[in-house]
Every structure is written in C-alpha cells, then in structure tokens.
Protein backbone atom coordinates (compact mmCIF):
# COMPACT_ATOMS: atom_id res chain seq x y z
CA MET A 1 13.53 -5.04 17.80
CA GLY A 2 11.72 -7.42 15.40
CA ASP A 3 10.67 -6.78 11.74
CA LEU A 4 8.12 -4.26 10.75
CA ILE A 5 5.84 -7.12 9.55
CA GLU A 6 5.80 -10.63 10.92
CA ILE A 7 3.41 -13.02 9.38
CA ARG A 8 3.30 -16.56 10.67
CA ASP A 9 1.22 -19.67 9.41
CA VAL A 10 -1.46 -17.22 8.15
CA GLU A 11 -4.54 -18.85 6.69
CA LYS A 12 -7.54 -17.20 5.14
CA THR A 13 -10.67 -19.18 4.25
CA TYR A 14 -13.80 -17.86 2.68
CA ASP A 15 -17.23 -19.65 3.23
CA MET A 16 -18.88 -19.82 -0.17
CA GLY A 17 -22.10 -21.44 1.20
CA ALA A 18 -23.42 -24.85 1.11
CA GLU A 19 -20.28 -26.12 3.19
CA ALA A 20 -17.87 -25.06 0.34
CA GLN A 21 -14.75 -23.30 1.42
CA VAL A 22 -12.05 -21.56 -0.51
CA ARG A 23 -8.65 -21.35 1.16
CA ALA A 24 -7.13 -18.10 -0.33
CA LEU A 25 -4.07 -18.23 1.79
CA ASP A 26 -2.56 -21.50 3.07
CA ARG A 27 -0.02 -21.23 6.01
CA VAL A 28 1.75 -18.33 4.58
CA SER A 29 4.76 -16.83 6.55
CA LEU A 30 6.50 -13.74 5.57
CA ASN A 31 8.64 -11.12 7.32
CA ILE A 32 9.32 -7.48 5.91
CA ALA A 33 11.90 -5.32 7.51
CA GLN A 34 11.66 -1.43 7.91
CA GLY A 35 12.90 0.05 4.65
CA ASP A 36 12.13 -2.94 2.40
CA TYR A 37 10.72 -2.55 -1.11
CA VAL A 38 8.81 -5.75 -1.67
CA ALA A 39 6.68 -6.70 -4.74
CA ILE A 40 3.92 -9.32 -4.27
CA MET A 41 3.13 -11.10 -7.42
CA GLY A 42 0.84 -13.83 -8.70
CA PRO A 43 -1.73 -14.63 -11.18
CA SER A 44 -5.55 -13.89 -10.59
CA GLY A 45 -6.63 -16.27 -7.62
CA SER A 46 -3.22 -16.63 -6.28
CA GLY A 47 -4.01 -15.01 -2.97
CA LYS A 48 -2.06 -11.69 -3.46
CA SER A 49 -5.13 -9.49 -3.10
CA THR A 50 -6.10 -11.49 0.07
CA LEU A 51 -2.50 -11.03 1.57
CA MET A 52 -2.53 -7.21 0.52
CA ASN A 53 -5.83 -6.88 2.48
CA LEU A 54 -4.57 -8.61 5.58
CA ILE A 55 -1.30 -6.54 5.44
CA GLY A 56 -3.36 -3.37 5.12
CA CYS A 57 -5.59 -4.34 7.99
CA LEU A 58 -8.65 -4.41 5.79
CA ASP A 59 -9.20 -7.97 6.85
CA THR A 60 -8.00 -10.47 9.57
CA PRO A 61 -6.64 -13.90 9.16
CA SER A 62 -8.78 -17.05 9.79
CA ALA A 63 -5.83 -18.49 11.51
CA GLY A 64 -2.18 -17.89 12.26
CA SER A 65 -0.49 -14.51 13.40
CA TYR A 66 0.15 -11.16 11.94
CA ARG A 67 2.20 -8.69 13.90
CA LEU A 68 2.78 -5.06 12.62
CA LYS A 69 5.40 -3.30 14.62
CA GLU A 70 5.19 -6.06 17.26
CA ARG A 71 1.47 -5.52 17.81
CA GLU A 72 -0.88 -8.59 17.03
CA ILE A 73 -3.33 -7.55 14.38
CA ALA A 74 -5.19 -10.89 13.97
CA THR A 75 -7.23 -10.43 17.12
CA MET A 76 -8.02 -6.54 16.77
CA THR A 77 -11.59 -5.20 16.65
CA ASP A 78 -12.81 -3.22 13.69
CA ASP A 79 -12.11 0.02 15.36
CA GLU A 80 -8.60 -0.78 16.35
CA LEU A 81 -8.04 -1.90 12.76
CA ALA A 82 -9.31 1.34 11.43
CA GLN A 83 -7.01 3.25 13.75
CA ILE A 84 -4.01 1.24 12.68
CA ARG A 85 -4.99 1.62 8.90
CA ASN A 86 -4.97 5.45 9.40
CA ALA A 87 -1.82 5.78 11.33
CA GLU A 88 0.48 2.99 9.89
CA ILE A 89 -0.74 2.39 6.36
CA GLY A 90 -0.62 4.63 3.22
CA PHE A 91 -2.64 3.12 0.51
CA ILE A 92 -2.03 3.73 -3.23
CA PHE A 93 -4.79 2.39 -5.52
CA GLN A 94 -4.89 1.74 -9.31
CA THR A 95 -8.02 3.92 -9.46
CA PHE A 96 -6.68 6.81 -7.42
CA ASN A 97 -9.95 7.06 -5.18
CA LEU A 98 -9.86 10.78 -4.97
CA LEU A 99 -12.97 12.81 -4.02
CA PRO A 100 -14.11 14.61 -7.37
CA ARG A 101 -15.37 17.87 -5.70
CA ALA A 102 -12.29 18.33 -3.46
CA ASP A 103 -9.09 19.98 -4.64
CA ALA A 104 -5.63 18.30 -4.26
CA LEU A 105 -4.96 19.93 -0.93
CA GLN A 106 -8.27 18.79 0.53
CA ASN A 107 -7.93 15.21 -0.84
CA VAL A 108 -4.46 14.87 0.80
CA GLU A 109 -5.71 16.34 4.17
CA LEU A 110 -8.42 13.66 4.60
CA PRO A 111 -6.31 11.15 6.61
CA LEU A 112 -5.37 14.12 8.84
CA ILE A 113 -8.92 14.98 9.60
CA TYR A 114 -9.58 11.42 10.71
CA ALA A 115 -6.47 11.75 12.93
CA GLY A 116 -7.92 14.76 14.55
CA MET A 117 -5.01 17.22 13.46
CA SER A 118 -5.77 20.99 13.73
CA ARG A 119 -6.80 22.72 10.44
CA ARG A 120 -3.50 24.75 10.26
CA ASP A 121 -1.21 21.72 10.99
CA ARG A 122 -3.37 19.77 8.22
CA HIS A 123 -2.75 22.48 5.71
CA GLU A 124 1.07 22.55 6.46
CA ARG A 125 1.44 18.87 6.31
CA ALA A 126 -0.57 18.40 3.14
CA LYS A 127 1.33 21.08 1.33
CA GLU A 128 4.57 19.39 2.30
CA ALA A 129 3.21 16.11 1.11
CA LEU A 130 2.22 17.71 -2.39
CA GLY A 131 5.64 19.33 -2.55
CA SER A 132 7.25 16.00 -2.18
CA VAL A 133 5.59 14.50 -5.16
CA GLY A 134 6.14 17.64 -7.31
CA LEU A 135 2.52 19.16 -7.22
CA GLY A 136 3.19 22.17 -5.14
CA ASP A 137 1.78 24.29 -8.01
CA ARG A 138 -1.31 22.15 -8.42
CA MET A 139 -2.79 22.23 -4.81
CA HIS A 140 -6.01 23.93 -5.78
CA HIS A 141 -6.83 21.80 -8.90
CA ARG A 142 -9.63 19.30 -8.70
CA PRO A 143 -9.06 15.79 -9.99
CA ASN A 144 -10.88 16.57 -13.34
CA GLU A 145 -8.44 19.36 -13.92
CA MET A 146 -5.45 16.95 -13.65
CA SER A 147 -3.88 14.32 -15.85
CA GLY A 148 -3.91 10.57 -14.64
CA GLY A 149 -0.42 10.94 -13.56
CA GLN A 150 -1.07 13.96 -11.47
CA ARG A 151 -4.17 12.31 -9.90
CA GLN A 152 -1.89 9.50 -8.85
CA ARG A 153 0.70 11.82 -7.45
CA VAL A 154 -2.09 13.32 -5.39
CA ALA A 155 -3.06 9.88 -4.30
CA ILE A 156 0.57 9.21 -3.29
CA ALA A 157 0.81 12.45 -1.23
CA ARG A 158 -2.45 11.38 0.64
CA ALA A 159 -0.80 8.14 1.33
CA LEU A 160 2.40 9.82 2.55
CA VAL A 161 0.76 12.50 4.63
CA ASN A 162 0.37 10.63 7.98
CA ARG A 163 3.87 9.47 7.70
CA PRO A 164 2.84 5.82 7.73
CA SER A 165 5.03 2.73 8.40
CA ILE A 166 3.98 1.24 5.15
CA LEU A 167 3.20 2.35 1.63
CA LEU A 168 0.89 -0.32 0.21
CA ALA A 169 0.51 0.28 -3.63
CA ASP A 170 -2.03 -2.01 -5.55
CA GLU A 171 -1.10 -1.96 -9.38
CA PRO A 172 -0.32 1.78 -8.99
CA THR A 173 0.45 2.23 -12.67
CA GLY A 174 -2.41 0.15 -13.96
CA ASN A 175 -4.38 3.20 -15.43
CA LEU A 176 -1.53 5.02 -16.66
CA ASP A 177 0.19 5.08 -20.07
CA SER A 178 3.84 3.71 -19.88
CA LYS A 179 5.58 6.99 -19.82
CA THR A 180 3.44 8.41 -16.86
CA GLY A 181 3.70 4.87 -15.27
CA GLN A 182 7.49 5.22 -15.48
CA GLU A 183 7.47 8.70 -13.70
CA ILE A 184 5.37 7.14 -10.99
CA LEU A 185 7.73 4.27 -10.53
CA ALA A 186 10.56 6.83 -10.39
CA LEU A 187 8.64 8.57 -7.65
CA MET A 188 8.25 5.59 -5.61
CA ASP A 189 11.96 4.64 -6.02
CA LYS A 190 12.66 8.18 -4.61
CA LEU A 191 10.32 7.56 -1.63
CA HIS A 192 12.04 4.20 -1.03
CA ALA A 193 15.48 5.88 -1.05
CA GLU A 194 14.19 8.38 1.44
CA GLY A 195 13.55 5.31 3.76
CA ASN A 196 9.84 4.44 3.11
CA THR A 197 8.81 0.82 3.40
CA ILE A 198 6.94 -0.03 0.20
CA ILE A 199 4.76 -3.06 -0.62
CA LEU A 200 3.74 -3.12 -4.23
CA VAL A 201 1.06 -5.65 -5.34
CA THR A 202 1.25 -6.31 -9.07
CA HIS A 203 1.01 -8.81 -12.01
CA ASP A 204 3.39 -6.71 -14.08
CA GLU A 205 7.01 -8.08 -14.34
CA GLU A 206 8.13 -4.61 -15.35
CA LEU A 207 6.91 -3.06 -11.92
CA SER A 208 8.45 -5.80 -10.08
CA ARG A 209 11.95 -5.01 -11.33
CA HIS A 210 11.77 -1.73 -9.34
CA ALA A 211 11.47 -3.77 -6.01
CA GLU A 212 14.41 -5.21 -3.93
CA ARG A 213 12.59 -8.35 -3.28
CA VAL A 214 9.86 -10.23 -5.16
CA VAL A 215 7.40 -12.71 -3.34
CA ARG A 216 5.49 -14.79 -5.71
CA LEU A 217 2.10 -16.42 -4.70
CA ARG A 218 0.35 -19.35 -6.44
CA ASP A 219 -2.81 -21.09 -5.04
CA GLY A 220 -2.50 -19.29 -1.63
CA LEU A 221 1.13 -20.44 -1.10
CA ILE A 222 4.48 -18.42 -1.24
CA VAL A 223 6.31 -20.21 -4.12
CA SER A 224 9.23 -18.06 -4.09
CA ASP A 225 10.85 -15.13 -2.23
CA THR A 226 14.05 -13.70 -4.23
CA ARG A 227 16.09 -10.61 -4.04
CA ASN A 228 16.35 -8.77 -7.31
CA GLY A 229 19.95 -8.32 -8.58
CA SER A 230 19.45 -5.04 -10.34
CA THR A 231 17.89 -2.97 -7.46
CA HIS A 232 17.57 0.71 -7.67
CA GLY A 233 19.26 2.72 -4.85
C-alpha cells in the first residue's frame, strides 16, 4: 500500500486579472505516511496556506497529482471533495470556528450530522471525543463560558470525532497564551502517539519542534524536508 498522501509535481496558479498570474506552488512533490507528524513551515507568501488548502481538499491543483489514500483528488468534483473533507480530514483552526450558541457537545457533533449518523450514536461519539481531550465535564458549556484553551480542545474534539485519516492544524496555538499553547501541543503529541497523522501549518519554530518532520517552503517550492532529532514519542 502507498503512502497516505502522495503529491506529485503539483502546481497552483491564481489568475490576478490583466493576464497576470501568480504561481503559489511550483511543481511540489511530497509524500506523507500514515502516522506521520509533519510541520509545514514558511514565511507569508511561501505557499504553505495554498498547500494546506490542497491537502485539506479545500482546493484542487492547477496541474499535477494529489492522491489521498490512493484516490486521485485533483480531478474530483466539489461534492466529492466535500465528502472526502468530512470523512478523511479533521480541521483545527487558529480561530476555533465554533458555533457560539451551541454547547461543546453540539459543536463536536456537527461533522457527524453531515455524515448522517443517528442522534444516539452522535451523542456517544461526541462525548467520547470530548473525554479524549479532557473536557468530559464541560460538555454543556457554550464557547463564551470557556477559556481559549478549552475552546481549542472542543475544536480538536470536533476534528477527531469522525476518526479522520489526517488532523490538519493551522496555527493551532496562534490565539492562545504560551502556557495554554503548550497544553494544546502536549495534547497533539498525545494524539500523535495514539496513531493520528498530524499536519501542522505554522510559522512558529517552537511549534515545529513537536513534529517529527519539518517541510519548509519558499516562493512556492519545497526548500527542505528534514527529520527532527529531538522527536517526542
């Protein structure tokens, strides 16, 4: 069986009008295996957000091949992409993206509603996910009744609840103080130790040290792909 993610010669070009084009990714190739913990790094404009959007099936390449679990993503329709996103990818955002009027349990259940799971099964699965991030006692709290760190844990539980192939985290500690950020990183280390594949998109060197592997982009190209010596787990 091949790698979980196989990206071959992927290009992404944006039309900026008046025949101007910006090439955000330039023949990028990258393989990520099941269970990897990879940090994707680079300055603003390096292409890391574009690469994250492609890996997360939020966008498709202009050229090249992206295979996720041996399925070609580059040619999928919007509906097929939405289905893959819901089944295979758990997103963790810097801004949490929680529904303010819903409690933690309802927020975590959302992906399961899209997946068509029965109410009882949803409840059970969402409770289990909240328990796994240490929030079993906060299930009926709304986001405004929780700290930033607790909100991010709810977001992580929501990302985990579908048991996705990939956890895709975009600056997951960006809105947190350093102590809370460390707690979230420790939680991600734990999730990785349990076998989850994690892709972390960040410009923060401190965060990248938690990953086993660091891929650096500049001007739409991968300039280095190294393994961390001091890996956790």
